[in-house]
Amino acid sequence: SRSQSDFSLRSGEPATWNAKNQGQGRAKQAPCRSGVKCVKKVKGRRGRPDRIELIVTIDLTAYQLNTEKVAEYKEVFQLFDKDEDGVLSFTELRVVMRSLGQLPTEKKLLSMVRSVSEDKLFDTIEFNEFLQMMSRQEDEEVNEEALMEAFKVFDKDDDGLLSVEELRKIMSSLGDRMVKKEVDVMVKQADA
């Protein structure tokens, strides 16, 4: 059994387990959580080793994930799930994100994990939580790209900036029309 002092908890960081107290001399990632529902052990046939199968338990349409994307995520997840328990430690997840070409800061990644993970102590993530997180990440990227494209449409000078006049014209003609005074207040707040 591990005492509270065996764990390192710093605000805003994933927990690590101090193996020193177990005679191993160095800190390593916290032990994995139990009760993971997304893993099925499959007995190897004809002398092949046993393997794990990751089971999808979420509604893929709700997260706008297709089977090809899930297969890609499953392959990467299994590649970095070294102990084959269906759970990635925070450290393993950072490597996975890099391999997918995404470089969130540690703080951003921790926030992403905590938004989907049931493990609030060690910040581990199981496969279905990983799928949810990646779906949200793709939504953010799409929204950012759409915003940049919309911005380019309104940037008549093509200088990467919107003048107050360009903004005033946009805000007074689209959607919920704003009067000049409302636009001036908005610009003043943005400049503050």
N, C-alpha and C. Protein backbone atom coordinates (compact mmCIF):
# COMPACT_ATOMS: atom_id res chain seq x y z
N SER A 1 0.84 -1.19 0.00
CA SER A 1 0.00 0.00 0.00
C SER A 1 0.87 1.23 0.00
N ARG A 2 0.41 2.28 -0.67
CA ARG A 2 1.20 3.49 -0.80
C ARG A 2 0.64 4.55 0.13
N SER A 3 1.54 5.27 0.77
CA SER A 3 1.11 6.36 1.64
C SER A 3 0.95 7.62 0.81
N GLN A 4 0.29 8.63 1.38
CA GLN A 4 0.09 9.89 0.68
C GLN A 4 1.43 10.50 0.28
N SER A 5 2.49 10.29 1.06
CA SER A 5 3.80 10.87 0.75
C SER A 5 4.48 10.18 -0.43
N ASP A 6 3.95 9.04 -0.87
CA ASP A 6 4.51 8.36 -2.03
C ASP A 6 4.13 9.06 -3.34
N PHE A 7 3.19 9.99 -3.29
CA PHE A 7 2.72 10.65 -4.50
C PHE A 7 3.13 12.11 -4.50
N SER A 8 3.52 12.58 -5.66
CA SER A 8 3.88 13.98 -5.82
C SER A 8 2.71 14.68 -6.50
N LEU A 9 2.10 15.63 -5.81
CA LEU A 9 0.99 16.37 -6.37
C LEU A 9 1.31 17.85 -6.34
N ARG A 10 1.51 18.44 -7.51
CA ARG A 10 1.71 19.88 -7.61
C ARG A 10 0.53 20.43 -8.38
N SER A 11 0.07 21.55 -7.95
CA SER A 11 -1.09 22.16 -8.59
C SER A 11 -0.84 22.33 -10.08
N GLY A 12 -1.79 21.84 -10.89
CA GLY A 12 -1.69 22.00 -12.33
C GLY A 12 -0.76 21.03 -13.01
N GLU A 13 -0.29 20.00 -12.31
CA GLU A 13 0.60 19.01 -12.92
C GLU A 13 0.05 17.62 -12.64
N PRO A 14 0.35 16.64 -13.53
CA PRO A 14 -0.08 15.28 -13.27
C PRO A 14 0.68 14.70 -12.08
N ALA A 15 0.04 13.78 -11.37
CA ALA A 15 0.68 13.16 -10.21
C ALA A 15 1.74 12.16 -10.67
N THR A 16 2.81 12.06 -9.89
CA THR A 16 3.81 11.02 -10.14
C THR A 16 3.99 10.22 -8.87
N TRP A 17 4.34 8.97 -9.03
CA TRP A 17 4.51 8.07 -7.91
C TRP A 17 6.00 7.96 -7.63
N ASN A 18 6.39 8.11 -6.36
CA ASN A 18 7.78 8.05 -5.99
C ASN A 18 8.16 6.60 -5.69
N ALA A 19 8.83 5.96 -6.63
CA ALA A 19 9.20 4.56 -6.48
C ALA A 19 10.35 4.37 -5.49
N LYS A 20 10.97 5.47 -5.05
CA LYS A 20 12.08 5.39 -4.10
C LYS A 20 11.67 4.63 -2.85
N ASN A 21 10.44 4.88 -2.42
CA ASN A 21 9.94 4.21 -1.23
C ASN A 21 9.73 2.72 -1.45
N GLN A 22 9.74 2.31 -2.71
CA GLN A 22 9.59 0.90 -3.03
C GLN A 22 10.94 0.26 -3.36
N GLY A 23 12.03 0.99 -3.08
CA GLY A 23 13.37 0.44 -3.27
C GLY A 23 13.87 0.49 -4.70
N GLN A 24 13.24 1.29 -5.56
CA GLN A 24 13.68 1.31 -6.96
C GLN A 24 14.49 2.54 -7.30
N GLY A 25 14.55 3.52 -6.41
CA GLY A 25 15.48 4.61 -6.55
C GLY A 25 15.15 5.75 -7.49
N ARG A 26 14.02 5.76 -8.20
CA ARG A 26 13.69 6.90 -9.05
C ARG A 26 12.19 7.07 -9.15
N ALA A 27 11.78 8.28 -9.49
CA ALA A 27 10.35 8.55 -9.64
C ALA A 27 9.90 8.09 -11.02
N LYS A 28 8.71 7.54 -11.09
CA LYS A 28 8.15 7.18 -12.39
C LYS A 28 6.67 7.51 -12.39
N GLN A 29 6.04 7.33 -13.55
CA GLN A 29 4.64 7.70 -13.68
C GLN A 29 3.78 6.90 -12.70
N ALA A 30 2.73 7.51 -12.24
CA ALA A 30 1.82 6.90 -11.27
C ALA A 30 1.23 5.61 -11.81
N PRO A 31 0.90 4.66 -10.91
CA PRO A 31 0.30 3.41 -11.36
C PRO A 31 -1.03 3.67 -12.05
N CYS A 32 -1.37 2.80 -12.99
CA CYS A 32 -2.58 3.01 -13.79
C CYS A 32 -3.84 2.70 -12.99
N ARG A 33 -4.92 3.25 -13.46
CA ARG A 33 -6.20 3.05 -12.80
C ARG A 33 -6.79 1.70 -13.18
N SER A 34 -7.71 1.25 -12.37
CA SER A 34 -8.34 -0.04 -12.64
C SER A 34 -9.76 0.19 -13.14
N GLY A 35 -10.40 -0.87 -13.59
CA GLY A 35 -11.78 -0.80 -14.03
C GLY A 35 -11.96 -0.19 -15.41
N VAL A 36 -10.94 -0.29 -16.26
CA VAL A 36 -11.03 0.26 -17.60
C VAL A 36 -11.95 -0.65 -18.42
N LYS A 37 -12.96 -0.05 -19.06
CA LYS A 37 -13.98 -0.83 -19.76
C LYS A 37 -13.70 -1.01 -21.24
N CYS A 38 -12.66 -0.39 -21.75
CA CYS A 38 -12.45 -0.40 -23.19
C CYS A 38 -11.43 -1.44 -23.66
N VAL A 39 -11.04 -2.34 -22.77
CA VAL A 39 -10.01 -3.31 -23.13
C VAL A 39 -10.57 -4.73 -23.06
N LYS A 40 -10.27 -5.50 -24.09
CA LYS A 40 -10.66 -6.90 -24.11
C LYS A 40 -9.41 -7.70 -24.44
N LYS A 41 -9.06 -8.64 -23.59
CA LYS A 41 -7.89 -9.50 -23.82
C LYS A 41 -8.28 -10.58 -24.82
N VAL A 42 -7.49 -10.72 -25.88
CA VAL A 42 -7.76 -11.71 -26.91
C VAL A 42 -6.63 -12.72 -26.89
N LYS A 43 -7.00 -14.00 -26.70
CA LYS A 43 -6.02 -15.08 -26.64
C LYS A 43 -5.39 -15.27 -28.01
N GLY A 44 -4.06 -15.36 -28.03
CA GLY A 44 -3.35 -15.55 -29.29
C GLY A 44 -3.61 -16.93 -29.86
N ARG A 45 -3.75 -17.02 -31.16
CA ARG A 45 -4.00 -18.30 -31.84
C ARG A 45 -2.71 -18.85 -32.43
N ARG A 46 -2.65 -20.14 -32.50
CA ARG A 46 -1.53 -20.85 -33.14
C ARG A 46 -0.17 -20.37 -32.65
N GLY A 47 -0.03 -20.28 -31.36
CA GLY A 47 1.24 -19.92 -30.77
C GLY A 47 1.56 -18.44 -30.73
N ARG A 48 0.67 -17.62 -31.24
CA ARG A 48 0.89 -16.17 -31.21
C ARG A 48 0.60 -15.64 -29.82
N PRO A 49 1.24 -14.53 -29.46
CA PRO A 49 1.02 -13.97 -28.11
C PRO A 49 -0.39 -13.38 -27.96
N ASP A 50 -0.84 -13.34 -26.72
CA ASP A 50 -2.11 -12.68 -26.43
C ASP A 50 -2.00 -11.22 -26.83
N ARG A 51 -3.12 -10.61 -27.14
CA ARG A 51 -3.13 -9.20 -27.48
C ARG A 51 -4.36 -8.55 -26.85
N ILE A 52 -4.36 -7.25 -26.83
CA ILE A 52 -5.53 -6.55 -26.32
C ILE A 52 -6.29 -5.94 -27.49
N GLU A 53 -7.57 -5.82 -27.32
CA GLU A 53 -8.41 -5.16 -28.30
C GLU A 53 -9.08 -3.99 -27.61
N LEU A 54 -8.98 -2.83 -28.21
CA LEU A 54 -9.62 -1.64 -27.65
C LEU A 54 -11.05 -1.58 -28.16
N ILE A 55 -11.98 -1.44 -27.23
CA ILE A 55 -13.41 -1.44 -27.57
C ILE A 55 -13.94 -0.02 -27.48
N VAL A 56 -14.61 0.39 -28.53
CA VAL A 56 -15.22 1.72 -28.56
C VAL A 56 -16.58 1.64 -27.89
N THR A 57 -16.77 2.45 -26.85
CA THR A 57 -18.04 2.44 -26.10
C THR A 57 -18.79 3.76 -26.23
N ILE A 58 -18.26 4.69 -27.01
CA ILE A 58 -18.94 5.98 -27.18
C ILE A 58 -19.65 6.01 -28.52
N ASP A 59 -20.58 6.93 -28.67
CA ASP A 59 -21.30 7.13 -29.92
C ASP A 59 -20.41 7.95 -30.85
N LEU A 60 -19.86 7.30 -31.87
CA LEU A 60 -18.92 7.98 -32.77
C LEU A 60 -19.56 9.13 -33.53
N THR A 61 -20.84 9.01 -33.85
CA THR A 61 -21.50 10.09 -34.58
C THR A 61 -21.63 11.34 -33.70
N ALA A 62 -21.82 11.15 -32.42
CA ALA A 62 -21.92 12.30 -31.50
C ALA A 62 -20.60 13.08 -31.46
N TYR A 63 -19.49 12.39 -31.70
CA TYR A 63 -18.18 13.03 -31.68
C TYR A 63 -17.62 13.25 -33.09
N GLN A 64 -18.46 13.02 -34.08
CA GLN A 64 -18.10 13.23 -35.49
C GLN A 64 -16.80 12.51 -35.85
N LEU A 65 -16.71 11.25 -35.45
CA LEU A 65 -15.55 10.42 -35.76
C LEU A 65 -15.97 9.32 -36.73
N ASN A 66 -15.19 9.12 -37.78
CA ASN A 66 -15.48 8.03 -38.71
C ASN A 66 -14.58 6.84 -38.38
N THR A 67 -14.86 5.71 -39.00
CA THR A 67 -14.12 4.48 -38.67
C THR A 67 -12.64 4.59 -39.04
N GLU A 68 -12.33 5.33 -40.11
CA GLU A 68 -10.93 5.49 -40.51
C GLU A 68 -10.16 6.26 -39.44
N LYS A 69 -10.76 7.33 -38.94
CA LYS A 69 -10.10 8.15 -37.92
C LYS A 69 -9.92 7.34 -36.63
N VAL A 70 -10.96 6.58 -36.26
CA VAL A 70 -10.87 5.75 -35.05
C VAL A 70 -9.77 4.71 -35.21
N ALA A 71 -9.66 4.11 -36.39
CA ALA A 71 -8.62 3.12 -36.65
C ALA A 71 -7.23 3.76 -36.52
N GLU A 72 -7.08 4.98 -37.03
CA GLU A 72 -5.80 5.70 -36.92
C GLU A 72 -5.47 5.96 -35.45
N TYR A 73 -6.45 6.47 -34.70
CA TYR A 73 -6.23 6.76 -33.28
C TYR A 73 -5.95 5.48 -32.50
N LYS A 74 -6.63 4.40 -32.86
CA LYS A 74 -6.43 3.13 -32.17
C LYS A 74 -5.01 2.62 -32.38
N GLU A 75 -4.53 2.72 -33.61
CA GLU A 75 -3.17 2.27 -33.93
C GLU A 75 -2.13 3.04 -33.13
N VAL A 76 -2.27 4.36 -33.09
CA VAL A 76 -1.32 5.20 -32.36
C VAL A 76 -1.43 4.92 -30.86
N PHE A 77 -2.65 4.81 -30.36
CA PHE A 77 -2.87 4.55 -28.93
C PHE A 77 -2.19 3.26 -28.51
N GLN A 78 -2.42 2.19 -29.29
CA GLN A 78 -1.83 0.90 -28.94
C GLN A 78 -0.31 0.91 -29.06
N LEU A 79 0.21 1.66 -30.00
CA LEU A 79 1.65 1.74 -30.18
C LEU A 79 2.34 2.30 -28.94
N PHE A 80 1.71 3.27 -28.29
CA PHE A 80 2.32 3.91 -27.13
C PHE A 80 1.81 3.39 -25.79
N ASP A 81 0.81 2.52 -25.80
CA ASP A 81 0.31 1.90 -24.57
C ASP A 81 1.19 0.68 -24.29
N LYS A 82 2.38 0.95 -23.76
CA LYS A 82 3.41 -0.08 -23.61
C LYS A 82 2.97 -1.25 -22.73
N ASP A 83 2.22 -0.99 -21.66
CA ASP A 83 1.82 -2.08 -20.77
C ASP A 83 0.48 -2.70 -21.17
N GLU A 84 -0.07 -2.28 -22.29
CA GLU A 84 -1.29 -2.84 -22.86
C GLU A 84 -2.44 -2.95 -21.86
N ASP A 85 -2.68 -1.85 -21.14
CA ASP A 85 -3.79 -1.86 -20.18
C ASP A 85 -4.94 -0.97 -20.63
N GLY A 86 -4.85 -0.40 -21.84
CA GLY A 86 -5.91 0.44 -22.37
C GLY A 86 -5.91 1.85 -21.80
N VAL A 87 -4.82 2.21 -21.13
CA VAL A 87 -4.70 3.52 -20.49
C VAL A 87 -3.35 4.13 -20.85
N LEU A 88 -3.36 5.42 -21.17
CA LEU A 88 -2.11 6.13 -21.40
C LEU A 88 -1.84 7.03 -20.21
N SER A 89 -0.60 7.00 -19.74
CA SER A 89 -0.19 7.94 -18.71
C SER A 89 -0.07 9.31 -19.37
N PHE A 90 0.03 10.34 -18.57
CA PHE A 90 0.17 11.68 -19.11
C PHE A 90 1.44 11.79 -19.97
N THR A 91 2.51 11.16 -19.51
CA THR A 91 3.78 11.18 -20.25
C THR A 91 3.62 10.49 -21.60
N GLU A 92 2.97 9.32 -21.62
CA GLU A 92 2.73 8.61 -22.87
C GLU A 92 1.86 9.44 -23.81
N LEU A 93 0.87 10.12 -23.26
CA LEU A 93 -0.03 10.93 -24.07
C LEU A 93 0.71 12.08 -24.74
N ARG A 94 1.66 12.70 -24.05
CA ARG A 94 2.45 13.78 -24.66
C ARG A 94 3.18 13.26 -25.90
N VAL A 95 3.72 12.06 -25.83
CA VAL A 95 4.43 11.47 -26.96
C VAL A 95 3.44 11.18 -28.09
N VAL A 96 2.26 10.67 -27.75
CA VAL A 96 1.23 10.38 -28.75
C VAL A 96 0.86 11.67 -29.49
N MET A 97 0.64 12.74 -28.75
CA MET A 97 0.24 14.00 -29.37
C MET A 97 1.33 14.49 -30.34
N ARG A 98 2.58 14.36 -29.94
CA ARG A 98 3.68 14.76 -30.84
C ARG A 98 3.68 13.91 -32.10
N SER A 99 3.43 12.60 -31.93
CA SER A 99 3.43 11.70 -33.09
C SER A 99 2.29 12.03 -34.05
N LEU A 100 1.22 12.64 -33.53
CA LEU A 100 0.10 13.06 -34.37
C LEU A 100 0.30 14.46 -34.94
N GLY A 101 1.48 15.04 -34.67
CA GLY A 101 1.79 16.36 -35.20
C GLY A 101 1.19 17.50 -34.40
N GLN A 102 0.74 17.22 -33.19
CA GLN A 102 0.15 18.27 -32.36
C GLN A 102 1.09 18.56 -31.20
N LEU A 103 1.28 19.83 -30.93
CA LEU A 103 2.24 20.23 -29.91
C LEU A 103 1.60 21.15 -28.86
N PRO A 104 0.58 20.66 -28.15
CA PRO A 104 -0.01 21.52 -27.12
C PRO A 104 0.98 21.69 -25.96
N THR A 105 0.89 22.80 -25.27
CA THR A 105 1.73 23.00 -24.09
C THR A 105 1.30 21.98 -23.04
N GLU A 106 2.15 21.76 -22.06
CA GLU A 106 1.80 20.82 -20.99
C GLU A 106 0.53 21.26 -20.27
N LYS A 107 0.42 22.56 -20.06
CA LYS A 107 -0.76 23.11 -19.38
C LYS A 107 -2.03 22.86 -20.21
N LYS A 108 -1.95 23.11 -21.52
CA LYS A 108 -3.09 22.90 -22.41
C LYS A 108 -3.46 21.42 -22.47
N LEU A 109 -2.46 20.55 -22.58
CA LEU A 109 -2.72 19.12 -22.64
C LEU A 109 -3.36 18.63 -21.34
N LEU A 110 -2.87 19.11 -20.22
CA LEU A 110 -3.44 18.75 -18.93
C LEU A 110 -4.90 19.18 -18.85
N SER A 111 -5.19 20.36 -19.35
CA SER A 111 -6.57 20.84 -19.38
C SER A 111 -7.43 19.96 -20.28
N MET A 112 -6.90 19.56 -21.42
CA MET A 112 -7.63 18.69 -22.34
C MET A 112 -7.93 17.35 -21.69
N VAL A 113 -6.94 16.77 -21.01
CA VAL A 113 -7.11 15.48 -20.35
C VAL A 113 -8.15 15.58 -19.24
N ARG A 114 -8.03 16.61 -18.43
CA ARG A 114 -8.95 16.75 -17.30
C ARG A 114 -10.38 17.02 -17.74
N SER A 115 -10.56 17.52 -18.96
CA SER A 115 -11.91 17.77 -19.44
C SER A 115 -12.64 16.48 -19.82
N VAL A 116 -11.91 15.38 -20.04
CA VAL A 116 -12.55 14.12 -20.45
C VAL A 116 -12.26 12.94 -19.53
N SER A 117 -11.18 12.99 -18.77
CA SER A 117 -10.75 11.83 -17.99
C SER A 117 -11.50 11.68 -16.67
N GLU A 118 -11.82 10.43 -16.34
CA GLU A 118 -12.41 10.13 -15.03
C GLU A 118 -11.35 10.09 -13.95
N ASP A 119 -10.08 9.96 -14.35
CA ASP A 119 -8.96 9.87 -13.41
C ASP A 119 -8.46 11.27 -13.09
N LYS A 120 -8.94 11.82 -12.00
CA LYS A 120 -8.57 13.18 -11.62
C LYS A 120 -7.30 13.21 -10.77
N LEU A 121 -6.79 12.05 -10.36
CA LEU A 121 -5.59 12.01 -9.53
C LEU A 121 -4.32 11.90 -10.36
N PHE A 122 -4.28 10.97 -11.30
CA PHE A 122 -3.06 10.72 -12.06
C PHE A 122 -3.11 11.25 -13.49
N ASP A 123 -4.27 11.76 -13.91
CA ASP A 123 -4.43 12.31 -15.25
C ASP A 123 -4.08 11.31 -16.35
N THR A 124 -4.55 10.09 -16.16
CA THR A 124 -4.42 9.08 -17.21
C THR A 124 -5.64 9.20 -18.11
N ILE A 125 -5.56 8.57 -19.26
CA ILE A 125 -6.67 8.65 -20.21
C ILE A 125 -6.86 7.30 -20.88
N GLU A 126 -8.09 6.79 -20.85
CA GLU A 126 -8.36 5.52 -21.52
C GLU A 126 -8.80 5.81 -22.95
N PHE A 127 -8.93 4.78 -23.76
CA PHE A 127 -9.12 4.95 -25.20
C PHE A 127 -10.34 5.79 -25.55
N ASN A 128 -11.49 5.52 -24.96
CA ASN A 128 -12.70 6.28 -25.30
C ASN A 128 -12.58 7.75 -24.89
N GLU A 129 -11.92 8.01 -23.78
CA GLU A 129 -11.67 9.38 -23.37
C GLU A 129 -10.71 10.06 -24.37
N PHE A 130 -9.75 9.29 -24.85
CA PHE A 130 -8.80 9.79 -25.85
C PHE A 130 -9.55 10.18 -27.13
N LEU A 131 -10.50 9.34 -27.56
CA LEU A 131 -11.30 9.65 -28.74
C LEU A 131 -12.08 10.95 -28.54
N GLN A 132 -12.68 11.11 -27.37
CA GLN A 132 -13.44 12.32 -27.08
C GLN A 132 -12.52 13.55 -27.11
N MET A 133 -11.36 13.41 -26.51
CA MET A 133 -10.41 14.52 -26.47
C MET A 133 -9.96 14.91 -27.88
N MET A 134 -9.65 13.91 -28.70
CA MET A 134 -9.18 14.19 -30.05
C MET A 134 -10.29 14.82 -30.90
N SER A 135 -11.52 14.39 -30.68
CA SER A 135 -12.65 14.98 -31.40
C SER A 135 -12.78 16.46 -31.04
N ARG A 136 -12.67 16.77 -29.77
CA ARG A 136 -12.74 18.17 -29.34
C ARG A 136 -11.58 18.98 -29.92
N GLN A 137 -10.40 18.36 -29.96
CA GLN A 137 -9.22 19.03 -30.50
C GLN A 137 -9.42 19.35 -31.98
N GLU A 138 -9.99 18.42 -32.73
CA GLU A 138 -10.25 18.66 -34.15
C GLU A 138 -11.27 19.78 -34.33
N ASP A 139 -12.31 19.81 -33.47
CA ASP A 139 -13.30 20.88 -33.53
C ASP A 139 -12.65 22.23 -33.33
N GLU A 140 -11.74 22.33 -32.35
CA GLU A 140 -11.05 23.59 -32.09
C GLU A 140 -10.22 24.02 -33.29
N GLU A 141 -9.53 23.06 -33.90
CA GLU A 141 -8.70 23.39 -35.06
C GLU A 141 -9.55 23.86 -36.22
N VAL A 142 -10.69 23.19 -36.46
CA VAL A 142 -11.57 23.57 -37.55
C VAL A 142 -12.13 24.98 -37.29
N ASN A 143 -12.54 25.23 -36.07
CA ASN A 143 -13.08 26.55 -35.74
C ASN A 143 -12.03 27.64 -35.93
N GLU A 144 -10.79 27.36 -35.55
CA GLU A 144 -9.72 28.34 -35.70
C GLU A 144 -9.45 28.60 -37.18
N GLU A 145 -9.43 27.53 -37.99
CA GLU A 145 -9.21 27.69 -39.42
C GLU A 145 -10.34 28.48 -40.06
N ALA A 146 -11.59 28.19 -39.67
CA ALA A 146 -12.74 28.90 -40.21
C ALA A 146 -12.68 30.38 -39.84
N LEU A 147 -12.26 30.66 -38.62
CA LEU A 147 -12.15 32.04 -38.16
C LEU A 147 -11.09 32.79 -38.99
N MET A 148 -9.96 32.12 -39.24
CA MET A 148 -8.91 32.76 -40.04
C MET A 148 -9.38 33.04 -41.47
N GLU A 149 -10.12 32.08 -42.05
CA GLU A 149 -10.65 32.28 -43.40
C GLU A 149 -11.64 33.43 -43.43
N ALA A 150 -12.51 33.50 -42.44
CA ALA A 150 -13.49 34.59 -42.36
C ALA A 150 -12.78 35.92 -42.20
N PHE A 151 -11.75 35.94 -41.39
CA PHE A 151 -10.98 37.15 -41.17
C PHE A 151 -10.38 37.64 -42.50
N LYS A 152 -9.84 36.72 -43.29
CA LYS A 152 -9.22 37.08 -44.57
C LYS A 152 -10.24 37.71 -45.53
N VAL A 153 -11.48 37.23 -45.48
CA VAL A 153 -12.52 37.79 -46.34
C VAL A 153 -12.74 39.27 -46.04
N PHE A 154 -12.69 39.62 -44.76
CA PHE A 154 -12.97 40.98 -44.36
C PHE A 154 -11.73 41.89 -44.36
N ASP A 155 -10.56 41.30 -44.47
CA ASP A 155 -9.32 42.07 -44.47
C ASP A 155 -9.06 42.58 -45.89
N LYS A 156 -9.72 43.68 -46.25
CA LYS A 156 -9.66 44.22 -47.62
C LYS A 156 -8.26 44.67 -48.02
N ASP A 157 -7.47 45.16 -47.06
CA ASP A 157 -6.12 45.63 -47.35
C ASP A 157 -5.11 44.49 -47.45
N ASP A 158 -5.55 43.29 -47.05
CA ASP A 158 -4.69 42.10 -47.03
C ASP A 158 -3.41 42.36 -46.23
N ASP A 159 -3.56 43.06 -45.09
CA ASP A 159 -2.41 43.36 -44.25
C ASP A 159 -2.42 42.60 -42.92
N GLY A 160 -3.40 41.68 -42.77
CA GLY A 160 -3.48 40.91 -41.54
C GLY A 160 -4.15 41.65 -40.40
N LEU A 161 -4.70 42.80 -40.70
CA LEU A 161 -5.36 43.62 -39.67
C LEU A 161 -6.72 44.08 -40.17
N LEU A 162 -7.62 44.32 -39.25
CA LEU A 162 -8.90 44.93 -39.58
C LEU A 162 -8.87 46.35 -39.02
N SER A 163 -9.11 47.30 -39.89
CA SER A 163 -9.17 48.69 -39.41
C SER A 163 -10.48 48.88 -38.67
N VAL A 164 -10.55 49.94 -37.91
CA VAL A 164 -11.78 50.25 -37.19
C VAL A 164 -12.92 50.43 -38.18
N GLU A 165 -12.63 51.06 -39.31
CA GLU A 165 -13.66 51.27 -40.34
C GLU A 165 -14.15 49.93 -40.91
N GLU A 166 -13.20 49.01 -41.21
CA GLU A 166 -13.59 47.69 -41.73
C GLU A 166 -14.45 46.95 -40.70
N LEU A 167 -14.04 47.01 -39.46
CA LEU A 167 -14.80 46.35 -38.39
C LEU A 167 -16.17 46.99 -38.23
N ARG A 168 -16.22 48.30 -38.28
CA ARG A 168 -17.50 49.01 -38.14
C ARG A 168 -18.46 48.60 -39.26
N LYS A 169 -17.92 48.50 -40.49
CA LYS A 169 -18.75 48.11 -41.64
C LYS A 169 -19.28 46.67 -41.45
N ILE A 170 -18.42 45.78 -40.99
CA ILE A 170 -18.81 44.38 -40.77
C ILE A 170 -19.89 44.29 -39.69
N MET A 171 -19.64 44.92 -38.57
CA MET A 171 -20.53 44.80 -37.42
C MET A 171 -21.88 45.49 -37.64
N SER A 172 -21.91 46.48 -38.51
CA SER A 172 -23.18 47.18 -38.74
C SER A 172 -23.99 46.54 -39.86
N SER A 173 -23.40 45.59 -40.58
CA SER A 173 -24.13 45.01 -41.71
C SER A 173 -24.45 43.53 -41.55
N LEU A 174 -23.81 42.83 -40.66
CA LEU A 174 -24.02 41.38 -40.52
C LEU A 174 -24.77 41.02 -39.25
N GLY A 175 -25.53 39.94 -39.31
CA GLY A 175 -26.18 39.37 -38.12
C GLY A 175 -26.96 40.38 -37.33
N ASP A 176 -26.75 40.39 -36.02
CA ASP A 176 -27.38 41.37 -35.15
C ASP A 176 -26.64 42.69 -35.34
N ARG A 177 -27.23 43.57 -36.10
CA ARG A 177 -26.56 44.83 -36.45
C ARG A 177 -26.27 45.66 -35.21
N MET A 178 -25.07 46.22 -35.20
CA MET A 178 -24.66 47.07 -34.08
C MET A 178 -24.65 48.52 -34.55
N VAL A 179 -25.04 49.41 -33.68
CA VAL A 179 -24.97 50.84 -34.00
C VAL A 179 -23.53 51.31 -33.78
N LYS A 180 -23.20 52.47 -34.34
CA LYS A 180 -21.83 53.01 -34.27
C LYS A 180 -21.29 53.06 -32.85
N LYS A 181 -22.13 53.48 -31.92
CA LYS A 181 -21.69 53.62 -30.53
C LYS A 181 -21.30 52.24 -29.93
N GLU A 182 -22.08 51.19 -30.24
CA GLU A 182 -21.77 49.84 -29.75
C GLU A 182 -20.44 49.35 -30.32
N VAL A 183 -20.21 49.62 -31.59
CA VAL A 183 -18.95 49.22 -32.23
C VAL A 183 -17.79 49.97 -31.58
N ASP A 184 -17.96 51.27 -31.32
CA ASP A 184 -16.91 52.06 -30.69
C ASP A 184 -16.56 51.50 -29.31
N VAL A 185 -17.57 51.10 -28.54
CA VAL A 185 -17.35 50.52 -27.22
C VAL A 185 -16.58 49.20 -27.34
N MET A 186 -16.98 48.38 -28.33
CA MET A 186 -16.30 47.10 -28.54
C MET A 186 -14.84 47.30 -28.91
N VAL A 187 -14.57 48.25 -29.81
CA VAL A 187 -13.19 48.52 -30.23
C VAL A 187 -12.37 49.03 -29.05
N LYS A 188 -12.97 49.90 -28.25
CA LYS A 188 -12.28 50.46 -27.09
C LYS A 188 -11.91 49.35 -26.10
N GLN A 189 -12.82 48.40 -25.89
CA GLN A 189 -12.54 47.28 -24.99
C GLN A 189 -11.44 46.38 -25.54
N ALA A 190 -11.46 46.16 -26.86
CA ALA A 190 -10.45 45.32 -27.49
C ALA A 190 -9.06 45.97 -27.41
N ASP A 191 -9.02 47.28 -27.52
CA ASP A 191 -7.74 47.99 -27.46
C ASP A 191 -7.19 48.10 -26.06
N ALA A 192 -8.05 47.91 -25.05
CA ALA A 192 -7.61 48.07 -23.64
C ALA A 192 -6.68 46.99 -23.21
